[in-house]
Amino acid sequence: MKKIIGLCAGWCMLLGGGAMVAQDMPSGPPKVLVIQREWTKPGKGGMIHEKSESNFVNAMTAAKWPTHYFAAESMSGKPRVLFFVGYPSFEAWEKDNKAQEKNATLSAALDRAELSDGELLDDYQQDVLLFDPDLSLNTGDIVHDRYFEISRYQVKPGHRAEFEELAKMYVEGYGKISKHANWAAFESYYGQDNGGVYIAISKMASLAENDQFMGDDKKFTDAMGPEKMKKVRELMASSVESEMTNLYEFKPSMSYADESWIKADSFWKPKAAAPAAKKAAAGQ
């Protein structure tokens, strides 16, 4: 986790706004989503990284910062942690950044945390994405969920319209055959993935839900019928350059969760530090 200065400089989710009115984390997908990816060095993940991230959480908590974020750690692919923060607009993001700049105490605390955390990191990346409700299905809050399945689609140049047609066919089909199928679709706007990249984020309360989803592909095929499935395959071949799906687990220890989330689900409540071991009495 790092701090960000301005809209396009620096990196991370630590976006502040001491002079702003406190804002809850959105109950549904935000219009503007910032995702920071941190890749840790070999042997520097796990509890070591969690302890380092707690310095950022403590700094934000002490400042009673109105902007919140949450973390998710990869369960597949290269080990990494993703940090998510949402805004209703780019203007709100800018105001948040400028307010942080004016808070000398918080800025100093974040600088110290950044120096420590940087020693653990092998690489990082920050991307800004925009929510597309027309390509999304059954979105809602994630307070009681524990996992994200994130699919990334690289669209071929000049084939955006075809990809959007394809995505809408999936919304139509899965909307008919499944009550539990869900995803929030975002299009890349700034960052390394800028241009032609879409992601679909699906939420799960437990991995057991994956077992329930196994038969959905056949149900989708049956519901669409031969002609529409032929169209699906044609659009996939013509519009998608590559695709990749990975699984992530929410990490409350690395998250600065809103009080409303903590009240709704104790999962998000910060864990108290373990008490120091008592010294043995003389003679023991």
Protein backbone atom coordinates (compact mmCIF):
# COMPACT_ATOMS: atom_id res chain seq x y z
CA MET A 1 0.00 0.00 0.00
CA LYS A 2 1.32 3.39 -0.91
CA LYS A 3 0.00 6.92 -1.03
CA ILE A 4 -0.86 8.80 -4.18
CA ILE A 5 -0.34 12.47 -4.96
CA GLY A 6 -2.59 13.96 -7.60
CA LEU A 7 -4.50 12.00 -10.19
CA CYS A 8 -1.62 10.57 -12.16
CA ALA A 9 1.43 10.54 -9.89
CA GLY A 10 2.55 8.12 -7.20
CA TRP A 11 0.74 4.89 -6.59
CA CYS A 12 -1.72 3.20 -4.27
CA MET A 13 -5.02 3.39 -2.49
CA LEU A 14 -4.19 5.62 0.43
CA LEU A 15 -6.36 8.47 -0.71
CA GLY A 16 -7.29 10.97 1.94
CA GLY A 17 -9.71 13.76 2.61
CA GLY A 18 -9.54 15.21 6.09
CA ALA A 19 -11.52 18.26 5.03
CA MET A 20 -14.12 16.19 3.25
CA VAL A 21 -17.40 14.86 4.55
CA ALA A 22 -16.93 11.26 5.62
CA GLN A 23 -18.03 8.82 2.94
CA ASP A 24 -18.96 5.17 3.34
CA MET A 25 -17.48 2.54 1.11
CA PRO A 26 -19.99 2.04 -1.70
CA SER A 27 -22.51 -0.78 -1.23
CA GLY A 28 -22.24 -1.59 -4.93
CA PRO A 29 -19.65 -1.11 -7.67
CA PRO A 30 -18.20 2.42 -7.76
CA LYS A 31 -18.11 4.48 -10.94
CA VAL A 32 -14.33 4.96 -10.68
CA LEU A 33 -12.31 2.02 -9.35
CA VAL A 34 -8.63 2.24 -8.50
CA ILE A 35 -6.78 -1.07 -8.14
CA GLN A 36 -3.22 -1.30 -6.91
CA ARG A 37 -1.33 -4.56 -7.29
CA GLU A 38 1.63 -5.32 -5.05
CA TRP A 39 3.94 -8.23 -5.84
CA THR A 40 6.05 -9.21 -2.85
CA LYS A 41 9.60 -10.51 -2.95
CA PRO A 42 10.07 -14.26 -2.31
CA GLY A 43 9.72 -14.91 1.41
CA LYS A 44 8.33 -11.42 2.10
CA GLY A 45 4.62 -12.17 1.85
CA GLY A 46 2.21 -13.61 4.39
CA MET A 47 2.41 -12.28 7.93
CA ILE A 48 5.46 -10.14 7.12
CA HIS A 49 3.53 -8.20 4.52
CA GLU A 50 0.41 -8.05 6.71
CA LYS A 51 2.41 -6.50 9.55
CA SER A 52 3.85 -3.91 7.18
CA GLU A 53 0.39 -3.06 5.81
CA SER A 54 -0.92 -2.55 9.35
CA ASN A 55 1.19 0.61 9.51
CA PHE A 56 -0.97 2.13 6.77
CA VAL A 57 -4.17 0.99 8.43
CA ASN A 58 -3.05 2.43 11.77
CA ALA A 59 -2.17 5.75 10.15
CA MET A 60 -5.55 6.01 8.46
CA THR A 61 -7.36 4.99 11.64
CA ALA A 62 -5.51 7.55 13.75
CA ALA A 63 -6.39 10.27 11.25
CA LYS A 64 -10.03 9.07 11.14
CA TRP A 65 -9.70 9.27 7.37
CA PRO A 66 -13.03 9.32 5.50
CA THR A 67 -11.86 7.29 2.50
CA HIS A 68 -11.58 3.53 2.98
CA TYR A 69 -10.06 0.62 1.06
CA PHE A 70 -9.92 -3.15 1.24
CA ALA A 71 -7.40 -5.79 0.23
CA ALA A 72 -7.55 -9.19 -1.46
CA GLU A 73 -4.67 -11.67 -1.71
CA SER A 74 -4.16 -13.96 -4.70
CA MET A 75 -4.88 -17.68 -4.40
CA SER A 76 -3.73 -18.41 -7.96
CA GLY A 77 -1.11 -16.98 -10.28
CA LYS A 78 1.90 -15.03 -9.06
CA PRO A 79 1.62 -14.09 -5.34
CA ARG A 80 0.27 -10.55 -5.03
CA VAL A 81 -2.14 -8.39 -3.07
CA LEU A 82 -4.76 -6.12 -4.66
CA PHE A 83 -6.05 -2.98 -2.96
CA PHE A 84 -9.39 -1.53 -4.04
CA VAL A 85 -10.84 1.94 -3.54
CA GLY A 86 -13.88 3.41 -5.25
CA TYR A 87 -15.04 6.94 -6.06
CA PRO A 88 -18.24 8.41 -7.51
CA SER A 89 -16.15 10.60 -9.85
CA PHE A 90 -12.64 11.70 -10.77
CA GLU A 91 -13.37 14.99 -9.03
CA ALA A 92 -13.94 13.14 -5.75
CA TRP A 93 -10.61 11.35 -6.20
CA GLU A 94 -8.82 14.66 -6.80
CA LYS A 95 -10.35 16.29 -3.71
CA ASP A 96 -9.32 13.28 -1.65
CA ASN A 97 -5.72 13.53 -2.82
CA LYS A 98 -5.45 17.25 -2.19
CA ALA A 99 -6.89 16.91 1.31
CA GLN A 100 -4.26 14.29 2.11
CA GLU A 101 -1.49 16.60 0.95
CA LYS A 102 -2.64 19.19 3.49
CA ASN A 103 -2.56 16.75 6.41
CA ALA A 104 1.07 16.81 7.49
CA THR A 105 0.64 14.24 10.28
CA LEU A 106 -0.96 11.64 8.05
CA SER A 107 1.45 12.29 5.18
CA ALA A 108 4.43 11.76 7.48
CA ALA A 109 2.97 8.52 8.85
CA LEU A 110 2.34 7.23 5.34
CA ASP A 111 5.87 8.15 4.25
CA ARG A 112 7.30 6.07 7.10
CA ALA A 113 5.01 3.16 6.28
CA GLU A 114 5.94 3.41 2.60
CA LEU A 115 9.66 3.13 3.32
CA SER A 116 9.12 -0.06 5.31
CA ASP A 117 6.66 -1.62 2.87
CA GLY A 118 8.82 -0.83 -0.15
CA GLU A 119 11.53 -3.16 1.12
CA LEU A 120 9.13 -6.09 0.75
CA LEU A 121 7.92 -5.41 -2.77
CA ASP A 122 9.20 -6.83 -6.02
CA ASP A 123 6.88 -4.79 -8.24
CA TYR A 124 3.66 -2.80 -8.25
CA GLN A 125 1.06 -1.55 -10.69
CA GLN A 126 -1.88 0.84 -10.41
CA ASP A 127 -4.85 0.88 -12.76
CA VAL A 128 -7.97 3.04 -12.96
CA LEU A 129 -11.14 1.51 -14.35
CA LEU A 130 -14.70 2.65 -15.07
CA PHE A 131 -17.79 0.63 -14.12
CA ASP A 132 -20.03 -0.50 -16.99
CA PRO A 133 -23.50 -1.38 -15.65
CA ASP A 134 -24.72 -2.58 -19.06
CA LEU A 135 -22.15 -5.40 -19.06
CA SER A 136 -22.72 -6.36 -15.41
CA LEU A 137 -25.07 -8.83 -13.70
CA ASN A 138 -26.52 -9.01 -10.17
CA THR A 139 -24.10 -6.57 -8.58
CA GLY A 140 -24.43 -5.61 -4.93
CA ASP A 141 -22.46 -5.11 -1.75
CA ILE A 142 -19.62 -7.44 -0.73
CA VAL A 143 -19.76 -6.99 3.04
CA HIS A 144 -20.60 -10.65 3.66
CA ASP A 145 -18.44 -12.07 0.88
CA ARG A 146 -14.93 -13.47 1.23
CA TYR A 147 -13.57 -14.01 -2.29
CA PHE A 148 -13.26 -12.39 -5.69
CA GLU A 149 -12.93 -14.23 -8.98
CA ILE A 150 -11.46 -11.74 -11.43
CA SER A 151 -11.47 -12.38 -15.17
CA ARG A 152 -9.39 -10.18 -17.47
CA TYR A 153 -10.16 -9.83 -21.17
CA GLN A 154 -7.81 -8.25 -23.69
CA VAL A 155 -9.97 -7.05 -26.58
CA LYS A 156 -8.56 -6.96 -30.10
CA PRO A 157 -8.05 -3.44 -31.50
CA GLY A 158 -11.13 -2.24 -33.35
CA HIS A 159 -13.40 -4.97 -31.93
CA ARG A 160 -14.77 -3.27 -28.84
CA ALA A 161 -18.37 -3.21 -30.15
CA GLU A 162 -18.25 -6.95 -30.80
CA PHE A 163 -16.94 -7.64 -27.31
CA GLU A 164 -19.69 -5.55 -25.76
CA GLU A 165 -22.27 -7.46 -27.81
CA LEU A 166 -20.74 -10.70 -26.54
CA ALA A 167 -20.80 -9.53 -22.92
CA LYS A 168 -24.45 -8.52 -23.20
CA MET A 169 -25.30 -11.98 -24.49
CA TYR A 170 -23.73 -13.45 -21.35
CA VAL A 171 -25.72 -11.03 -19.20
CA GLU A 172 -28.90 -12.10 -20.98
CA GLY A 173 -28.18 -15.83 -20.80
CA TYR A 174 -26.95 -16.07 -17.23
CA GLY A 175 -29.65 -13.69 -16.08
CA LYS A 176 -32.20 -16.28 -17.21
CA ILE A 177 -30.64 -19.47 -15.84
CA SER A 178 -28.89 -18.46 -12.61
CA LYS A 179 -29.79 -16.49 -9.49
CA HIS A 180 -26.30 -16.68 -8.04
CA ALA A 181 -24.26 -15.73 -11.13
CA ASN A 182 -22.86 -12.23 -10.65
CA TRP A 183 -20.16 -9.94 -11.95
CA ALA A 184 -19.28 -6.26 -12.06
CA ALA A 185 -17.70 -5.24 -15.37
CA PHE A 186 -15.06 -2.52 -15.59
CA GLU A 187 -13.20 -1.04 -18.54
CA SER A 188 -9.59 0.10 -18.22
CA TYR A 189 -9.06 3.86 -18.33
CA TYR A 190 -5.59 4.67 -16.95
CA GLY A 191 -2.57 2.49 -16.24
CA GLN A 192 -0.57 -0.31 -17.80
CA ASP A 193 -3.78 -1.99 -18.97
CA ASN A 194 -5.11 1.22 -20.52
CA GLY A 195 -6.90 0.47 -23.76
CA GLY A 196 -8.87 -2.60 -24.71
CA VAL A 197 -8.92 -4.33 -21.33
CA TYR A 198 -12.07 -5.31 -19.46
CA ILE A 199 -12.33 -7.11 -16.14
CA ALA A 200 -15.29 -8.93 -14.62
CA ILE A 201 -15.29 -9.23 -10.82
CA SER A 202 -17.48 -11.95 -9.30
CA LYS A 203 -18.01 -12.18 -5.54
CA MET A 204 -18.37 -15.32 -3.44
CA ALA A 205 -19.17 -15.91 0.22
CA SER A 206 -17.35 -19.26 0.15
CA LEU A 207 -15.48 -21.45 -2.31
CA ALA A 208 -18.32 -23.96 -2.02
CA GLU A 209 -20.21 -21.67 -4.38
CA ASN A 210 -17.78 -22.72 -7.11
CA ASP A 211 -19.06 -26.28 -6.74
CA GLN A 212 -22.61 -25.01 -7.29
CA PHE A 213 -21.58 -23.12 -10.44
CA MET A 214 -20.19 -26.19 -12.22
CA GLY A 215 -23.38 -26.91 -14.14
CA ASP A 216 -24.08 -23.33 -15.16
CA ASP A 217 -22.14 -23.51 -18.44
CA LYS A 218 -24.38 -26.29 -19.74
CA LYS A 219 -27.50 -24.47 -18.54
CA PHE A 220 -26.28 -21.35 -20.35
CA THR A 221 -25.69 -23.29 -23.56
CA ASP A 222 -29.10 -24.93 -23.40
CA ALA A 223 -30.86 -21.63 -22.66
CA MET A 224 -29.15 -19.77 -25.51
CA GLY A 225 -29.80 -22.46 -28.13
CA PRO A 226 -27.66 -23.44 -31.17
CA GLU A 227 -28.00 -20.19 -33.14
CA LYS A 228 -27.10 -17.87 -30.28
CA MET A 229 -24.25 -20.12 -29.15
CA LYS A 230 -22.88 -20.01 -32.69
CA LYS A 231 -22.96 -16.21 -32.42
CA VAL A 232 -21.25 -16.36 -29.01
CA ARG A 233 -18.39 -18.43 -30.42
CA GLU A 234 -18.00 -16.13 -33.43
CA LEU A 235 -17.89 -12.99 -31.26
CA MET A 236 -15.41 -14.61 -28.87
CA ALA A 237 -13.07 -15.53 -31.71
CA SER A 238 -13.31 -12.14 -33.41
CA SER A 239 -13.08 -9.85 -30.37
CA VAL A 240 -11.04 -11.49 -27.59
CA GLU A 241 -7.24 -11.52 -27.90
CA SER A 242 -6.68 -13.27 -24.56
CA GLU A 243 -8.41 -14.02 -21.26
CA MET A 244 -7.29 -14.98 -17.77
CA THR A 245 -9.13 -15.73 -14.51
CA ASN A 246 -7.70 -15.75 -10.99
CA LEU A 247 -9.03 -16.17 -7.45
CA TYR A 248 -8.50 -13.76 -4.54
CA GLU A 249 -9.28 -13.94 -0.82
CA PHE A 250 -10.27 -10.83 1.16
CA LYS A 251 -7.73 -9.78 3.80
CA PRO A 252 -9.28 -7.66 6.59
CA SER A 253 -5.87 -7.33 8.29
CA MET A 254 -4.68 -5.27 5.31
CA SER A 255 -7.95 -3.35 4.87
CA TYR A 256 -9.13 -0.03 6.21
CA ALA A 257 -12.80 -0.96 6.33
CA ASP A 258 -15.64 1.46 6.89
CA GLU A 259 -17.37 1.34 10.26
CA SER A 260 -20.63 0.34 8.54
CA TRP A 261 -18.93 -2.80 7.21
CA ILE A 262 -17.55 -3.68 10.65
CA LYS A 263 -20.99 -3.28 12.23
CA ALA A 264 -22.57 -5.43 9.52
CA ASP A 265 -19.96 -8.23 9.73
CA SER A 266 -17.31 -8.74 12.43
CA PHE A 267 -15.07 -10.30 9.75
CA TRP A 268 -13.90 -6.76 8.94
CA LYS A 269 -13.15 -5.81 12.55
CA PRO A 270 -9.44 -5.10 13.12
CA LYS A 271 -7.79 -7.82 15.18
CA ALA A 272 -6.28 -6.74 18.49
CA ALA A 273 -2.53 -7.19 18.82
CA ALA A 274 -1.45 -10.26 20.76
CA PRO A 275 -0.52 -9.47 24.39
CA ALA A 276 3.14 -9.56 25.27
CA ALA A 277 4.33 -12.70 27.02
CA LYS A 278 4.57 -12.38 30.80
CA LYS A 279 8.02 -12.54 32.30
CA ALA A 280 8.68 -15.61 34.41
CA ALA A 281 8.80 -14.95 38.13
CA ALA A 282 12.21 -15.06 39.79
CA GLY A 283 13.25 -18.57 40.63
CA GLN A 284 11.05 -20.24 38.04
